[in-house]
């Protein structure tokens, strides 16, 4: 008797893909919706139907449980659609997403990709319902910004809203506002493209990343350090515990990490602030 290859195995990766089907539980579950995903979940084009369904229901209902009992995941990259959909819908607490009843292979893929930090994974539908009320270990949200002079203002408002929802201290919020102003203004002045803003918060750090459509120039500086506004990204360097540039084929992301355990505007003990 032949056995089907395990999800994630080399043999499973060679199987022809069956498009995923998304079915909404018709039962009345009160404060949340259960969405069942059936079939093979594949990265890129194969996850389009699932992503559309999650986008719709997270924005409409805000509280969604995804039943993965009949889902196969032969490509580990496919699981990234779940945190991406949650962040795109505004993230916790505006949108809440829990995955339930995944098989052992899918559970391993979710944990290997660290999806469980932002999207909790439950063994049963009842456990998933309870986890909707629990803040994940990591919270994130995304926002698209136009190629326009108003982009930095919109970015600051987005950061302020996230800081309020996540209960961040005033000093950290002020530092985040300064950092996002510089990163987004840098895109408007130098990249000249629309950009995506990503915020991510865990116990230790607040990450701010701005992705634009201008690739890193080979042999040239990846970003502008000083601008006509003044110190530009030197401000980011002064406020962040670390920052950098991640290149992509179609652009780049400039990111900064702020220390969430202290006020970034106050130098740590033994370190002097800027002179004069």
C-alpha atoms as a PDB file:
ATOM      1  CA  UNK A   1       0.000   0.000   0.000  1.00  0.00           C
ATOM      2  CA  UNK A   2       1.422   3.372  -0.992  1.00  0.00           C
ATOM      3  CA  UNK A   3       1.435   6.265   1.417  1.00  0.00           C
ATOM      4  CA  UNK A   4       1.205   9.955   0.495  1.00  0.00           C
ATOM      5  CA  UNK A   5       4.475  11.834   1.107  1.00  0.00           C
ATOM      6  CA  UNK A   6       4.659  13.994   4.198  1.00  0.00           C
ATOM      7  CA  UNK A   7       4.104  17.744   3.796  1.00  0.00           C
ATOM      8  CA  UNK A   8       7.425  19.486   3.421  1.00  0.00           C
ATOM      9  CA  UNK A   9       9.238  16.392   2.109  1.00  0.00           C
ATOM     10  CA  UNK A  10      11.059  16.440  -1.276  1.00  0.00           C
ATOM     11  CA  UNK A  11       8.475  14.069  -2.718  1.00  0.00           C
ATOM     12  CA  UNK A  12       5.632  16.297  -1.598  1.00  0.00           C
ATOM     13  CA  UNK A  13       7.241  19.273  -3.335  1.00  0.00           C
ATOM     14  CA  UNK A  14       7.026  17.481  -6.686  1.00  0.00           C
ATOM     15  CA  UNK A  15       3.292  16.794  -6.455  1.00  0.00           C
ATOM     16  CA  UNK A  16       1.009  18.807  -8.743  1.00  0.00           C
ATOM     17  CA  UNK A  17      -0.594  21.604  -6.778  1.00  0.00           C
ATOM     18  CA  UNK A  18      -4.313  21.612  -6.129  1.00  0.00           C
ATOM     19  CA  UNK A  19      -5.660  25.112  -5.680  1.00  0.00           C
ATOM     20  CA  UNK A  20      -6.679  25.892  -2.124  1.00  0.00           C
ATOM     21  CA  UNK A  21     -10.349  26.219  -1.349  1.00  0.00           C
ATOM     22  CA  UNK A  22     -11.564  28.583   1.346  1.00  0.00           C
ATOM     23  CA  UNK A  23     -14.775  27.776   3.163  1.00  0.00           C
ATOM     24  CA  UNK A  24     -16.402  29.942   5.805  1.00  0.00           C
ATOM     25  CA  UNK A  25     -18.054  28.033   8.641  1.00  0.00           C
ATOM     26  CA  UNK A  26     -21.803  28.710   8.256  1.00  0.00           C
ATOM     27  CA  UNK A  27     -22.399  28.209  11.978  1.00  0.00           C
ATOM     28  CA  UNK A  28     -23.015  31.260  14.147  1.00  0.00           C
ATOM     29  CA  UNK A  29     -19.978  31.577  16.421  1.00  0.00           C
ATOM     30  CA  UNK A  30     -20.900  34.969  17.783  1.00  0.00           C
ATOM     31  CA  UNK A  31     -17.804  37.101  18.118  1.00  0.00           C
ATOM     32  CA  UNK A  32     -15.550  35.388  15.567  1.00  0.00           C
ATOM     33  CA  UNK A  33     -15.451  33.685  12.195  1.00  0.00           C
ATOM     34  CA  UNK A  34     -13.971  30.275  11.351  1.00  0.00           C
ATOM     35  CA  UNK A  35     -12.383  29.974   7.920  1.00  0.00           C
ATOM     36  CA  UNK A  36     -11.402  26.478   6.721  1.00  0.00           C
ATOM     37  CA  UNK A  37      -8.558  26.192   4.197  1.00  0.00           C
ATOM     38  CA  UNK A  38      -8.624  22.960   2.193  1.00  0.00           C
ATOM     39  CA  UNK A  39      -5.963  21.795  -0.251  1.00  0.00           C
ATOM     40  CA  UNK A  40      -2.315  22.551  -0.909  1.00  0.00           C
ATOM     41  CA  UNK A  41      -1.042  25.932   0.235  1.00  0.00           C
ATOM     42  CA  UNK A  42       1.745  27.180  -2.025  1.00  0.00           C
ATOM     43  CA  UNK A  43       3.732  30.391  -1.822  1.00  0.00           C
ATOM     44  CA  UNK A  44       3.189  33.210  -4.299  1.00  0.00           C
ATOM     45  CA  UNK A  45       0.335  32.536  -6.748  1.00  0.00           C
ATOM     46  CA  UNK A  46      -1.064  29.535  -4.893  1.00  0.00           C
ATOM     47  CA  UNK A  47      -2.003  31.504  -1.784  1.00  0.00           C
ATOM     48  CA  UNK A  48      -3.960  34.240  -3.574  1.00  0.00           C
ATOM     49  CA  UNK A  49      -7.425  32.894  -2.699  1.00  0.00           C
ATOM     50  CA  UNK A  50      -6.491  32.424   0.942  1.00  0.00           C
ATOM     51  CA  UNK A  51      -4.966  35.885   1.210  1.00  0.00           C
ATOM     52  CA  UNK A  52      -8.033  37.515  -0.371  1.00  0.00           C
ATOM     53  CA  UNK A  53     -10.322  35.723   2.057  1.00  0.00           C
ATOM     54  CA  UNK A  54      -8.233  36.695   5.074  1.00  0.00           C
ATOM     55  CA  UNK A  55      -8.008  40.323   3.939  1.00  0.00           C
ATOM     56  CA  UNK A  56     -11.787  40.466   3.581  1.00  0.00           C
ATOM     57  CA  UNK A  57     -12.756  38.744   6.818  1.00  0.00           C
ATOM     58  CA  UNK A  58     -10.131  40.390   9.025  1.00  0.00           C
ATOM     59  CA  UNK A  59     -11.288  43.815   7.900  1.00  0.00           C
ATOM     60  CA  UNK A  60     -14.973  42.844   8.132  1.00  0.00           C
ATOM     61  CA  UNK A  61     -15.134  40.780  11.336  1.00  0.00           C
ATOM     62  CA  UNK A  62     -11.748  41.477  12.912  1.00  0.00           C
ATOM     63  CA  UNK A  63     -11.613  38.120  14.744  1.00  0.00           C
ATOM     64  CA  UNK A  64     -10.813  35.102  12.579  1.00  0.00           C
ATOM     65  CA  UNK A  65      -9.809  31.506  13.288  1.00  0.00           C
ATOM     66  CA  UNK A  66      -8.266  29.577  10.378  1.00  0.00           C
ATOM     67  CA  UNK A  67      -8.918  25.829  10.447  1.00  0.00           C
ATOM     68  CA  UNK A  68      -5.912  24.073   8.862  1.00  0.00           C
ATOM     69  CA  UNK A  69      -7.063  20.509   9.527  1.00  0.00           C
ATOM     70  CA  UNK A  70      -7.294  19.763   5.791  1.00  0.00           C
ATOM     71  CA  UNK A  71      -4.414  21.935   4.608  1.00  0.00           C
ATOM     72  CA  UNK A  72      -1.119  20.706   3.173  1.00  0.00           C
ATOM     73  CA  UNK A  73       1.945  22.966   3.182  1.00  0.00           C
ATOM     74  CA  UNK A  74       4.676  21.551   0.893  1.00  0.00           C
ATOM     75  CA  UNK A  75       6.521  24.898   0.750  1.00  0.00           C
ATOM     76  CA  UNK A  76       7.493  26.427   4.077  1.00  0.00           C
ATOM     77  CA  UNK A  77       7.463  29.954   2.611  1.00  0.00           C
ATOM     78  CA  UNK A  78       3.694  29.713   2.140  1.00  0.00           C
ATOM     79  CA  UNK A  79       3.031  30.188   5.856  1.00  0.00           C
ATOM     80  CA  UNK A  80       4.249  33.803   5.730  1.00  0.00           C
ATOM     81  CA  UNK A  81       0.905  34.832   4.249  1.00  0.00           C
ATOM     82  CA  UNK A  82      -0.736  34.583   7.692  1.00  0.00           C
ATOM     83  CA  UNK A  83       1.319  37.255   9.524  1.00  0.00           C
ATOM     84  CA  UNK A  84       1.327  39.365   6.348  1.00  0.00           C
ATOM     85  CA  UNK A  85      -2.476  39.318   6.180  1.00  0.00           C
ATOM     86  CA  UNK A  86      -2.783  40.141   9.882  1.00  0.00           C
ATOM     87  CA  UNK A  87      -0.337  43.067   9.655  1.00  0.00           C
ATOM     88  CA  UNK A  88      -2.049  44.352   6.515  1.00  0.00           C
ATOM     89  CA  UNK A  89      -5.414  44.380   8.301  1.00  0.00           C
ATOM     90  CA  UNK A  90      -4.038  46.549  11.110  1.00  0.00           C
ATOM     91  CA  UNK A  91      -2.652  43.896  13.426  1.00  0.00           C
ATOM     92  CA  UNK A  92      -3.577  43.265  17.037  1.00  0.00           C
ATOM     93  CA  UNK A  93      -5.850  44.453  18.607  1.00  0.00           C
ATOM     94  CA  UNK A  94      -7.741  45.808  15.587  1.00  0.00           C
ATOM     95  CA  UNK A  95      -7.453  42.471  13.797  1.00  0.00           C
ATOM     96  CA  UNK A  96      -6.982  39.107  15.518  1.00  0.00           C
ATOM     97  CA  UNK A  97      -6.008  35.862  13.837  1.00  0.00           C
ATOM     98  CA  UNK A  98      -5.401  32.377  15.249  1.00  0.00           C
ATOM     99  CA  UNK A  99      -4.491  29.174  13.381  1.00  0.00           C
ATOM    100  CA  UNK A 100      -5.983  25.881  14.519  1.00  0.00           C
ATOM    101  CA  UNK A 101      -5.701  22.103  13.993  1.00  0.00           C
ATOM    102  CA  UNK A 102      -2.578  22.159  11.802  1.00  0.00           C
ATOM    103  CA  UNK A 103      -0.877  18.797  11.260  1.00  0.00           C
ATOM    104  CA  UNK A 104       2.617  18.109  12.591  1.00  0.00           C
ATOM    105  CA  UNK A 105       4.398  19.125   9.384  1.00  0.00           C
ATOM    106  CA  UNK A 106       2.522  22.410   9.061  1.00  0.00           C
ATOM    107  CA  UNK A 107       3.061  23.168  12.744  1.00  0.00           C
ATOM    108  CA  UNK A 108       6.804  22.671  12.304  1.00  0.00           C
ATOM    109  CA  UNK A 109       6.780  25.024   9.297  1.00  0.00           C
ATOM    110  CA  UNK A 110       4.866  27.673  11.255  1.00  0.00           C
ATOM    111  CA  UNK A 111       7.305  27.518  14.152  1.00  0.00           C
ATOM    112  CA  UNK A 112      10.386  27.404  11.931  1.00  0.00           C
ATOM    113  CA  UNK A 113       9.185  30.605  10.236  1.00  0.00           C
ATOM    114  CA  UNK A 114       8.339  32.092  13.664  1.00  0.00           C
ATOM    115  CA  UNK A 115       4.783  32.689  12.517  1.00  0.00           C
ATOM    116  CA  UNK A 116       3.490  31.558  15.918  1.00  0.00           C
ATOM    117  CA  UNK A 117       4.964  34.684  17.530  1.00  0.00           C
ATOM    118  CA  UNK A 118       2.490  36.972  15.720  1.00  0.00           C
ATOM    119  CA  UNK A 119      -0.258  34.471  14.814  1.00  0.00           C
ATOM    120  CA  UNK A 120      -0.938  32.023  17.676  1.00  0.00           C
ATOM    121  CA  UNK A 121      -1.271  28.330  16.836  1.00  0.00           C
ATOM    122  CA  UNK A 122      -3.919  26.257  18.656  1.00  0.00           C
ATOM    123  CA  UNK A 123      -4.583  22.537  18.760  1.00  0.00           C
ATOM    124  CA  UNK A 124      -8.379  22.859  18.818  1.00  0.00           C
ATOM    125  CA  UNK A 125     -11.002  25.346  17.657  1.00  0.00           C
ATOM    126  CA  UNK A 126     -11.993  25.980  21.274  1.00  0.00           C
ATOM    127  CA  UNK A 127      -8.397  26.791  22.237  1.00  0.00           C
ATOM    128  CA  UNK A 128      -8.171  29.072  19.190  1.00  0.00           C
ATOM    129  CA  UNK A 129     -11.268  30.959  20.326  1.00  0.00           C
ATOM    130  CA  UNK A 130      -9.651  31.637  23.704  1.00  0.00           C
ATOM    131  CA  UNK A 131      -6.380  32.775  22.105  1.00  0.00           C
ATOM    132  CA  UNK A 132      -8.217  35.493  20.171  1.00  0.00           C
ATOM    133  CA  UNK A 133      -8.343  37.406  23.458  1.00  0.00           C
ATOM    134  CA  UNK A 134      -4.630  36.983  24.224  1.00  0.00           C
ATOM    135  CA  UNK A 135      -2.062  39.465  22.928  1.00  0.00           C
ATOM    136  CA  UNK A 136       0.550  37.669  20.781  1.00  0.00           C
ATOM    137  CA  UNK A 137       4.206  37.750  21.789  1.00  0.00           C
ATOM    138  CA  UNK A 138       4.887  39.945  18.759  1.00  0.00           C
ATOM    139  CA  UNK A 139       2.512  42.494  17.209  1.00  0.00           C
ATOM    140  CA  UNK A 140       2.864  44.086  13.775  1.00  0.00           C
ATOM    141  CA  UNK A 141       1.019  46.252  11.286  1.00  0.00           C
ATOM    142  CA  UNK A 142       1.609  47.553   7.752  1.00  0.00           C
ATOM    143  CA  UNK A 143       0.555  50.701   5.941  1.00  0.00           C
ATOM    144  CA  UNK A 144       0.992  51.890   2.353  1.00  0.00           C
ATOM    145  CA  UNK A 145       2.088  55.497   1.841  1.00  0.00           C
ATOM    146  CA  UNK A 146       1.858  57.575  -1.357  1.00  0.00           C
ATOM    147  CA  UNK A 147       4.680  59.273  -3.202  1.00  0.00           C
ATOM    148  CA  UNK A 148       3.634  62.683  -1.902  1.00  0.00           C
ATOM    149  CA  UNK A 149       4.783  65.403   0.469  1.00  0.00           C
ATOM    150  CA  UNK A 150       2.092  64.385   2.952  1.00  0.00           C
ATOM    151  CA  UNK A 151       3.586  60.890   3.370  1.00  0.00           C
ATOM    152  CA  UNK A 152       5.695  61.722   6.481  1.00  0.00           C
ATOM    153  CA  UNK A 153       2.633  63.247   8.178  1.00  0.00           C
ATOM    154  CA  UNK A 154       0.567  60.136   7.411  1.00  0.00           C
ATOM    155  CA  UNK A 155       3.399  57.953   8.697  1.00  0.00           C
ATOM    156  CA  UNK A 156       3.551  59.829  12.012  1.00  0.00           C
ATOM    157  CA  UNK A 157      -0.198  59.453  12.470  1.00  0.00           C
ATOM    158  CA  UNK A 158       0.087  55.719  11.778  1.00  0.00           C
ATOM    159  CA  UNK A 159       2.895  55.379  14.323  1.00  0.00           C
ATOM    160  CA  UNK A 160       0.935  57.362  16.917  1.00  0.00           C
ATOM    161  CA  UNK A 161      -2.067  55.072  16.494  1.00  0.00           C
ATOM    162  CA  UNK A 162       0.095  51.955  16.885  1.00  0.00           C
ATOM    163  CA  UNK A 163       1.812  53.372  19.966  1.00  0.00           C
ATOM    164  CA  UNK A 164      -1.566  54.032  21.587  1.00  0.00           C
ATOM    165  CA  UNK A 165      -2.932  50.582  20.727  1.00  0.00           C
ATOM    166  CA  UNK A 166       0.204  48.829  21.979  1.00  0.00           C
ATOM    167  CA  UNK A 167       0.548  50.917  25.134  1.00  0.00           C
ATOM    168  CA  UNK A 168       4.043  52.224  24.417  1.00  0.00           C
ATOM    169  CA  UNK A 169       5.726  54.860  26.572  1.00  0.00           C
ATOM    170  CA  UNK A 170       5.719  58.486  25.438  1.00  0.00           C
ATOM    171  CA  UNK A 171       9.497  58.596  25.003  1.00  0.00           C
ATOM    172  CA  UNK A 172       9.495  55.552  22.735  1.00  0.00           C
ATOM    173  CA  UNK A 173       6.581  56.981  20.742  1.00  0.00           C
ATOM    174  CA  UNK A 174       8.373  60.306  20.278  1.00  0.00           C
ATOM    175  CA  UNK A 175      11.526  58.544  19.112  1.00  0.00           C
ATOM    176  CA  UNK A 176       9.513  56.378  16.711  1.00  0.00           C
ATOM    177  CA  UNK A 177       7.845  59.477  15.262  1.00  0.00           C
ATOM    178  CA  UNK A 178      11.237  61.082  14.640  1.00  0.00           C
ATOM    179  CA  UNK A 179      12.646  57.943  13.032  1.00  0.00           C
ATOM    180  CA  UNK A 180       9.685  57.338  10.740  1.00  0.00           C
ATOM    181  CA  UNK A 181       9.720  60.992   9.678  1.00  0.00           C
ATOM    182  CA  UNK A 182      13.318  60.674   8.519  1.00  0.00           C
ATOM    183  CA  UNK A 183      12.870  57.310   6.799  1.00  0.00           C
ATOM    184  CA  UNK A 184       9.749  58.307   4.893  1.00  0.00           C
ATOM    185  CA  UNK A 185      11.057  61.782   4.046  1.00  0.00           C
ATOM    186  CA  UNK A 186      14.169  60.110   2.655  1.00  0.00           C
ATOM    187  CA  UNK A 187      11.980  58.074   0.302  1.00  0.00           C
ATOM    188  CA  UNK A 188      10.016  61.137  -0.833  1.00  0.00           C
ATOM    189  CA  UNK A 189      13.176  63.178  -1.490  1.00  0.00           C
ATOM    190  CA  UNK A 190      15.476  60.548  -2.966  1.00  0.00           C
ATOM    191  CA  UNK A 191      13.576  57.444  -4.103  1.00  0.00           C
ATOM    192  CA  UNK A 192      10.537  59.263  -5.465  1.00  0.00           C
ATOM    193  CA  UNK A 193       8.277  56.216  -5.092  1.00  0.00           C
ATOM    194  CA  UNK A 194       5.396  55.094  -2.943  1.00  0.00           C
ATOM    195  CA  UNK A 195       6.499  53.098   0.083  1.00  0.00           C
ATOM    196  CA  UNK A 196       5.305  50.530   2.577  1.00  0.00           C
ATOM    197  CA  UNK A 197       5.664  51.148   6.315  1.00  0.00           C
ATOM    198  CA  UNK A 198       6.061  48.150   8.641  1.00  0.00           C
ATOM    199  CA  UNK A 199       5.961  48.349  12.447  1.00  0.00           C
ATOM    200  CA  UNK A 200       6.750  45.375  14.652  1.00  0.00           C
ATOM    201  CA  UNK A 201       6.908  45.247  18.440  1.00  0.00           C
ATOM    202  CA  UNK A 202       8.041  42.560  20.831  1.00  0.00           C
ATOM    203  CA  UNK A 203       9.164  42.683  24.446  1.00  0.00           C
ATOM    204  CA  UNK A 204      12.597  44.129  23.645  1.00  0.00           C
ATOM    205  CA  UNK A 205      12.373  46.113  20.380  1.00  0.00           C
ATOM    206  CA  UNK A 206      10.233  48.277  18.191  1.00  0.00           C
ATOM    207  CA  UNK A 207      11.172  47.766  14.549  1.00  0.00           C
ATOM    208  CA  UNK A 208      10.380  50.394  11.917  1.00  0.00           C
ATOM    209  CA  UNK A 209      10.963  49.507   8.270  1.00  0.00           C
ATOM    210  CA  UNK A 210      10.202  51.534   5.157  1.00  0.00           C
ATOM    211  CA  UNK A 211      10.353  49.768   1.801  1.00  0.00           C
ATOM    212  CA  UNK A 212      10.527  51.808  -1.431  1.00  0.00           C
ATOM    213  CA  UNK A 213      10.782  51.074  -5.132  1.00  0.00           C
ATOM    214  CA  UNK A 214      14.332  52.291  -5.796  1.00  0.00           C
ATOM    215  CA  UNK A 215      16.965  49.524  -5.772  1.00  0.00           C
ATOM    216  CA  UNK A 216      20.281  50.038  -4.040  1.00  0.00           C
ATOM    217  CA  UNK A 217      22.796  51.580  -6.456  1.00  0.00           C
ATOM    218  CA  UNK A 218      25.774  49.307  -7.078  1.00  0.00           C
ATOM    219  CA  UNK A 219      28.925  50.974  -5.768  1.00  0.00           C
ATOM    220  CA  UNK A 220      27.029  53.953  -4.415  1.00  0.00           C
ATOM    221  CA  UNK A 221      25.678  54.898  -0.996  1.00  0.00           C
ATOM    222  CA  UNK A 222      22.531  52.898  -0.142  1.00  0.00           C
ATOM    223  CA  UNK A 223      20.723  55.855   1.401  1.00  0.00           C
ATOM    224  CA  UNK A 224      21.165  59.567   1.833  1.00  0.00           C
ATOM    225  CA  UNK A 225      22.647  60.324   5.251  1.00  0.00           C
ATOM    226  CA  UNK A 226      22.264  64.097   5.173  1.00  0.00           C
ATOM    227  CA  UNK A 227      19.432  65.935   3.454  1.00  0.00           C
ATOM    228  CA  UNK A 228      18.354  69.472   2.835  1.00  0.00           C
ATOM    229  CA  UNK A 229      16.248  69.221   6.022  1.00  0.00           C
ATOM    230  CA  UNK A 230      19.359  68.829   8.169  1.00  0.00           C
ATOM    231  CA  UNK A 231      20.854  65.744   9.746  1.00  0.00           C
ATOM    232  CA  UNK A 232      18.549  63.224   8.055  1.00  0.00           C
ATOM    233  CA  UNK A 233      19.438  59.642   8.870  1.00  0.00           C
ATOM    234  CA  UNK A 234      22.002  60.735  11.445  1.00  0.00           C
ATOM    235  CA  UNK A 235      18.937  61.259  13.645  1.00  0.00           C
ATOM    236  CA  UNK A 236      17.969  57.644  13.056  1.00  0.00           C
ATOM    237  CA  UNK A 237      21.464  56.505  13.951  1.00  0.00           C
ATOM    238  CA  UNK A 238      21.332  58.480  17.177  1.00  0.00           C
ATOM    239  CA  UNK A 239      17.958  57.130  18.310  1.00  0.00           C
ATOM    240  CA  UNK A 240      18.180  53.508  17.166  1.00  0.00           C
ATOM    241  CA  UNK A 241      20.112  50.644  18.695  1.00  0.00           C
ATOM    242  CA  UNK A 242      20.762  49.559  15.109  1.00  0.00           C
ATOM    243  CA  UNK A 243      19.695  50.353  11.554  1.00  0.00           C
ATOM    244  CA  UNK A 244      20.456  49.189   8.055  1.00  0.00           C
ATOM    245  CA  UNK A 245      19.343  48.569   4.496  1.00  0.00           C
ATOM    246  CA  UNK A 246      17.949  45.344   3.028  1.00  0.00           C
ATOM    247  CA  UNK A 247      18.140  45.259  -0.805  1.00  0.00           C
ATOM    248  CA  UNK A 248      15.446  43.702  -2.999  1.00  0.00           C
ATOM    249  CA  UNK A 249      15.215  43.189  -6.747  1.00  0.00           C
ATOM    250  CA  UNK A 250      12.506  45.851  -6.985  1.00  0.00           C
ATOM    251  CA  UNK A 251      13.718  48.217  -4.299  1.00  0.00           C
ATOM    252  CA  UNK A 252      15.020  48.259  -0.746  1.00  0.00           C
ATOM    253  CA  UNK A 253      13.923  48.491   2.860  1.00  0.00           C
ATOM    254  CA  UNK A 254      15.563  50.850   5.336  1.00  0.00           C
ATOM    255  CA  UNK A 255      14.955  49.707   8.891  1.00  0.00           C
ATOM    256  CA  UNK A 256      15.696  50.784  12.427  1.00  0.00           C
ATOM    257  CA  UNK A 257      15.419  49.041  15.796  1.00  0.00           C
ATOM    258  CA  UNK A 258      14.435  51.053  18.856  1.00  0.00           C
ATOM    259  CA  UNK A 259      15.082  49.718  22.347  1.00  0.00           C
ATOM    260  CA  UNK A 260      11.656  49.148  23.903  1.00  0.00           C
ATOM    261  CA  UNK A 261      13.097  48.597  27.372  1.00  0.00           C
ATOM    262  CA  UNK A 262      14.115  52.228  27.892  1.00  0.00           C
ATOM    263  CA  UNK A 263      13.438  55.745  26.659  1.00  0.00           C
ATOM    264  CA  UNK A 264      15.531  56.155  23.460  1.00  0.00           C
ATOM    265  CA  UNK A 265      15.598  59.927  24.007  1.00  0.00           C
ATOM    266  CA  UNK A 266      17.531  59.512  27.278  1.00  0.00           C
ATOM    267  CA  UNK A 267      21.154  58.322  26.909  1.00  0.00           C
ATOM    268  CA  UNK A 268      21.926  55.200  28.997  1.00  0.00           C
ATOM    269  CA  UNK A 269      24.031  55.575  32.126  1.00  0.00           C
ATOM    270  CA  UNK A 270      27.677  56.256  31.359  1.00  0.00           C
ATOM    271  CA  UNK A 271      26.962  57.620  27.881  1.00  0.00           C
ATOM    272  CA  UNK A 272      26.958  61.314  27.251  1.00  0.00           C
ATOM    273  CA  UNK A 273      24.455  62.950  24.972  1.00  0.00           C
ATOM    274  CA  UNK A 274      25.374  65.090  21.944  1.00  0.00           C
ATOM    275  CA  UNK A 275      27.647  67.994  22.733  1.00  0.00           C
ATOM    276  CA  UNK A 276      26.275  71.485  22.934  1.00  0.00           C
END
